[in-house]
């Protein structure tokens, strides 16, 4: 499991209010079980278990009134199986 905190951030050089991102927390988790034989394992994971939407980058052009923001991927759950040779 891991947990990350990101402080308030402006996502462009002009510190545009359109791309201001308030502080947020993100958590990920995973669990894995390995067979006693050591030949295979099975696990599950969750990325962004808090399901928090935040800006990862953007562009602001006041001259033409254009503001664009790209957001993170949504919460993701999955399973994982591995076989060792």
C-alpha atoms as a PDB file:
ATOM      1  CA  UNK A   1       0.000   0.000   0.000  1.00  0.00           C
ATOM      2  CA  UNK A   2       1.180   3.499  -0.638  1.00  0.00           C
ATOM      3  CA  UNK A   3      -0.235   6.942   0.009  1.00  0.00           C
ATOM      4  CA  UNK A   4       0.782  10.234  -1.609  1.00  0.00           C
ATOM      5  CA  UNK A   5       0.029  13.830  -0.728  1.00  0.00           C
ATOM      6  CA  UNK A   6       0.396  16.672  -3.235  1.00  0.00           C
ATOM      7  CA  UNK A   7       0.203  20.292  -2.057  1.00  0.00           C
ATOM      8  CA  UNK A   8      -1.638  23.095  -3.871  1.00  0.00           C
ATOM      9  CA  UNK A   9      -0.305  23.386  -7.429  1.00  0.00           C
ATOM     10  CA  UNK A  10      -0.598  25.728 -10.382  1.00  0.00           C
ATOM     11  CA  UNK A  11      -0.214  23.709 -13.583  1.00  0.00           C
ATOM     12  CA  UNK A  12       1.162  26.435 -15.858  1.00  0.00           C
ATOM     13  CA  UNK A  13       3.838  29.134 -15.829  1.00  0.00           C
ATOM     14  CA  UNK A  14       1.280  31.954 -15.469  1.00  0.00           C
ATOM     15  CA  UNK A  15      -0.266  30.516 -12.286  1.00  0.00           C
ATOM     16  CA  UNK A  16      -3.657  30.584 -13.971  1.00  0.00           C
ATOM     17  CA  UNK A  17      -6.695  30.222 -11.717  1.00  0.00           C
ATOM     18  CA  UNK A  18      -8.132  27.919 -14.408  1.00  0.00           C
ATOM     19  CA  UNK A  19      -5.361  25.376 -13.826  1.00  0.00           C
ATOM     20  CA  UNK A  20      -5.086  25.696 -10.061  1.00  0.00           C
ATOM     21  CA  UNK A  21      -5.212  22.300  -8.322  1.00  0.00           C
ATOM     22  CA  UNK A  22      -6.005  22.201  -4.590  1.00  0.00           C
ATOM     23  CA  UNK A  23      -4.056  19.753  -2.420  1.00  0.00           C
ATOM     24  CA  UNK A  24      -5.092  16.098  -2.647  1.00  0.00           C
ATOM     25  CA  UNK A  25      -4.291  12.571  -1.423  1.00  0.00           C
ATOM     26  CA  UNK A  26      -3.994   9.443  -3.569  1.00  0.00           C
ATOM     27  CA  UNK A  27      -3.823   5.866  -2.322  1.00  0.00           C
ATOM     28  CA  UNK A  28      -2.890   2.611  -4.089  1.00  0.00           C
ATOM     29  CA  UNK A  29      -3.123  -0.927  -2.707  1.00  0.00           C
ATOM     30  CA  UNK A  30      -2.186  -4.441  -3.756  1.00  0.00           C
ATOM     31  CA  UNK A  31      -2.053  -7.919  -2.292  1.00  0.00           C
ATOM     32  CA  UNK A  32      -0.367 -11.057  -3.661  1.00  0.00           C
ATOM     33  CA  UNK A  33      -0.541 -14.694  -2.649  1.00  0.00           C
ATOM     34  CA  UNK A  34       2.249 -17.026  -3.745  1.00  0.00           C
ATOM     35  CA  UNK A  35       1.777 -20.802  -3.838  1.00  0.00           C
ATOM     36  CA  UNK A  36       3.956 -22.888  -1.508  1.00  0.00           C
ATOM     37  CA  UNK A  37       5.584 -24.494  -4.546  1.00  0.00           C
ATOM     38  CA  UNK A  38       6.788 -21.034  -5.599  1.00  0.00           C
ATOM     39  CA  UNK A  39       5.742 -21.742  -9.187  1.00  0.00           C
ATOM     40  CA  UNK A  40       2.842 -19.303  -9.414  1.00  0.00           C
ATOM     41  CA  UNK A  41       1.168 -16.377  -7.671  1.00  0.00           C
ATOM     42  CA  UNK A  42      -2.151 -14.569  -7.768  1.00  0.00           C
ATOM     43  CA  UNK A  43      -2.824 -10.982  -6.740  1.00  0.00           C
ATOM     44  CA  UNK A  44      -5.136  -8.035  -6.905  1.00  0.00           C
ATOM     45  CA  UNK A  45      -4.553  -4.306  -7.010  1.00  0.00           C
ATOM     46  CA  UNK A  46      -6.304  -0.960  -6.912  1.00  0.00           C
ATOM     47  CA  UNK A  47      -4.836   2.274  -8.272  1.00  0.00           C
ATOM     48  CA  UNK A  48      -6.238   5.583  -7.012  1.00  0.00           C
ATOM     49  CA  UNK A  49      -8.574   3.823  -4.573  1.00  0.00           C
ATOM     50  CA  UNK A  50      -9.762   7.246  -3.365  1.00  0.00           C
ATOM     51  CA  UNK A  51     -11.044   7.912  -6.922  1.00  0.00           C
ATOM     52  CA  UNK A  52      -9.812  11.506  -6.767  1.00  0.00           C
ATOM     53  CA  UNK A  53      -9.800  13.533  -9.993  1.00  0.00           C
ATOM     54  CA  UNK A  54      -6.902  15.970 -10.323  1.00  0.00           C
ATOM     55  CA  UNK A  55      -5.155  17.985 -13.036  1.00  0.00           C
ATOM     56  CA  UNK A  56      -1.894  16.475 -14.303  1.00  0.00           C
ATOM     57  CA  UNK A  57      -1.076  19.187 -16.872  1.00  0.00           C
ATOM     58  CA  UNK A  58      -2.618  22.016 -18.838  1.00  0.00           C
ATOM     59  CA  UNK A  59      -2.277  25.089 -20.973  1.00  0.00           C
ATOM     60  CA  UNK A  60      -3.681  28.586 -20.521  1.00  0.00           C
ATOM     61  CA  UNK A  61      -3.690  31.287 -23.213  1.00  0.00           C
ATOM     62  CA  UNK A  62      -5.361  34.471 -21.981  1.00  0.00           C
ATOM     63  CA  UNK A  63      -4.853  36.186 -25.357  1.00  0.00           C
ATOM     64  CA  UNK A  64      -7.407  33.984 -27.106  1.00  0.00           C
ATOM     65  CA  UNK A  65      -9.323  32.910 -23.989  1.00  0.00           C
ATOM     66  CA  UNK A  66      -8.227  29.278 -24.256  1.00  0.00           C
ATOM     67  CA  UNK A  67      -7.720  27.102 -21.178  1.00  0.00           C
ATOM     68  CA  UNK A  68      -7.143  23.352 -21.315  1.00  0.00           C
ATOM     69  CA  UNK A  69      -6.584  20.801 -18.545  1.00  0.00           C
ATOM     70  CA  UNK A  70      -5.687  17.112 -18.709  1.00  0.00           C
ATOM     71  CA  UNK A  71      -6.875  14.958 -15.827  1.00  0.00           C
ATOM     72  CA  UNK A  72      -5.576  11.734 -14.308  1.00  0.00           C
ATOM     73  CA  UNK A  73      -6.831   8.275 -15.177  1.00  0.00           C
ATOM     74  CA  UNK A  74      -9.864   7.101 -13.188  1.00  0.00           C
ATOM     75  CA  UNK A  75      -9.740   4.532 -10.382  1.00  0.00           C
ATOM     76  CA  UNK A  76      -8.558   1.141 -11.624  1.00  0.00           C
ATOM     77  CA  UNK A  77      -9.002  -2.351 -10.143  1.00  0.00           C
ATOM     78  CA  UNK A  78      -7.397  -5.518 -11.463  1.00  0.00           C
ATOM     79  CA  UNK A  79      -6.110  -9.013 -10.870  1.00  0.00           C
ATOM     80  CA  UNK A  80      -2.708 -10.393 -11.693  1.00  0.00           C
ATOM     81  CA  UNK A  81      -1.544 -13.984 -12.227  1.00  0.00           C
ATOM     82  CA  UNK A  82       2.085 -15.038 -12.664  1.00  0.00           C
ATOM     83  CA  UNK A  83       3.740 -18.340 -13.511  1.00  0.00           C
ATOM     84  CA  UNK A  84       7.456 -18.841 -12.807  1.00  0.00           C
ATOM     85  CA  UNK A  85       9.634 -21.126 -14.938  1.00  0.00           C
END
